[in-house]
Amino acid sequence: MSECKLNHSQEDVRSKFESQEAFLPEDMKPLFEQFLTKEHTQDLLNEVFHLLKKYDLASEEEKNQRNNRLFLVLKNV
């Protein structure tokens, strides 16, 4: 994933999650619901947004890498 200079809001992350929700593992969805009820640093919001960005188009290997990172982030906030 390339670095992006834009800062993404909590609403941006929510919108991106909703657009990719059907492609995410079922056990990740409740973690996202929890994540989206809290405030987070800009860096964390940006990271989660980019992990979700074009998730549906990623290869299985890329999805596995993104899932590992997302689970790590979502379980520790």
C-alpha atoms as a PDB file:
ATOM      1  CA  MET A   1       0.000   0.000   0.000  1.00  0.00           C
ATOM      2  CA  SER A   2       1.296   3.423  -0.835  1.00  0.00           C
ATOM      3  CA  GLU A   3       1.523   6.288   1.586  1.00  0.00           C
ATOM      4  CA  CYS A   4      -1.281   8.806   1.365  1.00  0.00           C
ATOM      5  CA  LYS A   5      -0.940  12.405   2.454  1.00  0.00           C
ATOM      6  CA  LEU A   6      -4.670  12.805   3.160  1.00  0.00           C
ATOM      7  CA  ASN A   7      -6.030  12.559   6.659  1.00  0.00           C
ATOM      8  CA  HIS A   8      -9.153  10.441   6.884  1.00  0.00           C
ATOM      9  CA  SER A   9     -11.926  11.173   9.348  1.00  0.00           C
ATOM     10  CA  GLN A  10     -13.779   8.670  11.468  1.00  0.00           C
ATOM     11  CA  GLU A  11     -16.671   9.066   9.012  1.00  0.00           C
ATOM     12  CA  ASP A  12     -14.337   8.248   6.112  1.00  0.00           C
ATOM     13  CA  VAL A  13     -13.319   5.056   7.905  1.00  0.00           C
ATOM     14  CA  ARG A  14     -16.948   4.179   8.652  1.00  0.00           C
ATOM     15  CA  SER A  15     -17.921   4.724   5.027  1.00  0.00           C
ATOM     16  CA  LYS A  16     -14.990   2.645   3.763  1.00  0.00           C
ATOM     17  CA  PHE A  17     -15.853  -0.126   6.239  1.00  0.00           C
ATOM     18  CA  GLU A  18     -19.475  -0.133   5.067  1.00  0.00           C
ATOM     19  CA  SER A  19     -18.417  -0.343   1.426  1.00  0.00           C
ATOM     20  CA  GLN A  20     -16.093  -3.296   2.121  1.00  0.00           C
ATOM     21  CA  GLU A  21     -18.073  -5.015   4.883  1.00  0.00           C
ATOM     22  CA  ALA A  22     -19.394  -7.797   2.645  1.00  0.00           C
ATOM     23  CA  PHE A  23     -15.816  -8.839   1.816  1.00  0.00           C
ATOM     24  CA  LEU A  24     -14.448  -8.861   5.384  1.00  0.00           C
ATOM     25  CA  PRO A  25     -14.305 -11.899   7.673  1.00  0.00           C
ATOM     26  CA  GLU A  26     -17.462 -12.224   9.802  1.00  0.00           C
ATOM     27  CA  ASP A  27     -15.519 -12.247  13.075  1.00  0.00           C
ATOM     28  CA  MET A  28     -13.952  -8.892  12.217  1.00  0.00           C
ATOM     29  CA  LYS A  29     -17.240  -7.003  11.851  1.00  0.00           C
ATOM     30  CA  PRO A  30     -18.105  -6.717  15.585  1.00  0.00           C
ATOM     31  CA  LEU A  31     -14.566  -5.456  16.223  1.00  0.00           C
ATOM     32  CA  PHE A  32     -15.138  -2.714  13.678  1.00  0.00           C
ATOM     33  CA  GLU A  33     -18.427  -1.762  15.332  1.00  0.00           C
ATOM     34  CA  GLN A  34     -16.532  -1.322  18.618  1.00  0.00           C
ATOM     35  CA  PHE A  35     -13.678   0.510  16.928  1.00  0.00           C
ATOM     36  CA  LEU A  36     -16.029   3.005  15.327  1.00  0.00           C
ATOM     37  CA  THR A  37     -17.615   3.962  18.658  1.00  0.00           C
ATOM     38  CA  LYS A  38     -14.309   5.313  20.014  1.00  0.00           C
ATOM     39  CA  GLU A  39     -12.021   8.163  19.099  1.00  0.00           C
ATOM     40  CA  HIS A  40      -8.635   7.333  17.591  1.00  0.00           C
ATOM     41  CA  THR A  41      -5.439   9.050  16.558  1.00  0.00           C
ATOM     42  CA  GLN A  42      -5.196  10.389  13.053  1.00  0.00           C
ATOM     43  CA  ASP A  43      -2.435   7.897  12.258  1.00  0.00           C
ATOM     44  CA  LEU A  44      -4.623   4.975  13.303  1.00  0.00           C
ATOM     45  CA  LEU A  45      -7.612   6.234  11.312  1.00  0.00           C
ATOM     46  CA  ASN A  46      -5.416   6.634   8.241  1.00  0.00           C
ATOM     47  CA  GLU A  47      -3.937   3.161   8.653  1.00  0.00           C
ATOM     48  CA  VAL A  48      -7.325   1.460   9.018  1.00  0.00           C
ATOM     49  CA  PHE A  49      -8.730   3.394   6.065  1.00  0.00           C
ATOM     50  CA  HIS A  50      -5.881   2.230   3.847  1.00  0.00           C
ATOM     51  CA  LEU A  51      -6.146  -1.364   5.018  1.00  0.00           C
ATOM     52  CA  LEU A  52      -9.793  -1.265   3.923  1.00  0.00           C
ATOM     53  CA  LYS A  53      -9.190   0.616   0.677  1.00  0.00           C
ATOM     54  CA  LYS A  54      -9.771  -1.666  -2.328  1.00  0.00           C
ATOM     55  CA  TYR A  55      -9.884  -4.648   0.035  1.00  0.00           C
ATOM     56  CA  ASP A  56     -12.308  -6.383  -2.323  1.00  0.00           C
ATOM     57  CA  LEU A  57      -9.771  -6.194  -5.158  1.00  0.00           C
ATOM     58  CA  ALA A  58      -6.811  -7.523  -3.165  1.00  0.00           C
ATOM     59  CA  SER A  59      -5.346 -10.973  -3.757  1.00  0.00           C
ATOM     60  CA  GLU A  60      -5.961 -13.651  -1.130  1.00  0.00           C
ATOM     61  CA  GLU A  61      -2.395 -13.243   0.128  1.00  0.00           C
ATOM     62  CA  GLU A  62      -2.856  -9.473   0.422  1.00  0.00           C
ATOM     63  CA  LYS A  63      -6.203  -9.945   2.195  1.00  0.00           C
ATOM     64  CA  ASN A  64      -4.555 -12.278   4.702  1.00  0.00           C
ATOM     65  CA  GLN A  65      -1.867  -9.689   5.420  1.00  0.00           C
ATOM     66  CA  ARG A  66      -4.465  -6.940   5.797  1.00  0.00           C
ATOM     67  CA  ASN A  67      -6.649  -9.165   8.007  1.00  0.00           C
ATOM     68  CA  ASN A  68      -3.716  -9.882  10.314  1.00  0.00           C
ATOM     69  CA  ARG A  69      -2.971  -6.188  10.690  1.00  0.00           C
ATOM     70  CA  LEU A  70      -6.641  -5.233  11.087  1.00  0.00           C
ATOM     71  CA  PHE A  71      -7.197  -7.871  13.781  1.00  0.00           C
ATOM     72  CA  LEU A  72      -4.090  -6.656  15.596  1.00  0.00           C
ATOM     73  CA  VAL A  73      -5.292  -3.040  15.494  1.00  0.00           C
ATOM     74  CA  LEU A  74      -8.955  -3.737  16.251  1.00  0.00           C
ATOM     75  CA  LYS A  75      -8.299  -6.049  19.193  1.00  0.00           C
ATOM     76  CA  ASN A  76      -5.906  -3.614  20.853  1.00  0.00           C
ATOM     77  CA  VAL A  77      -7.923  -0.406  20.896  1.00  0.00           C
END
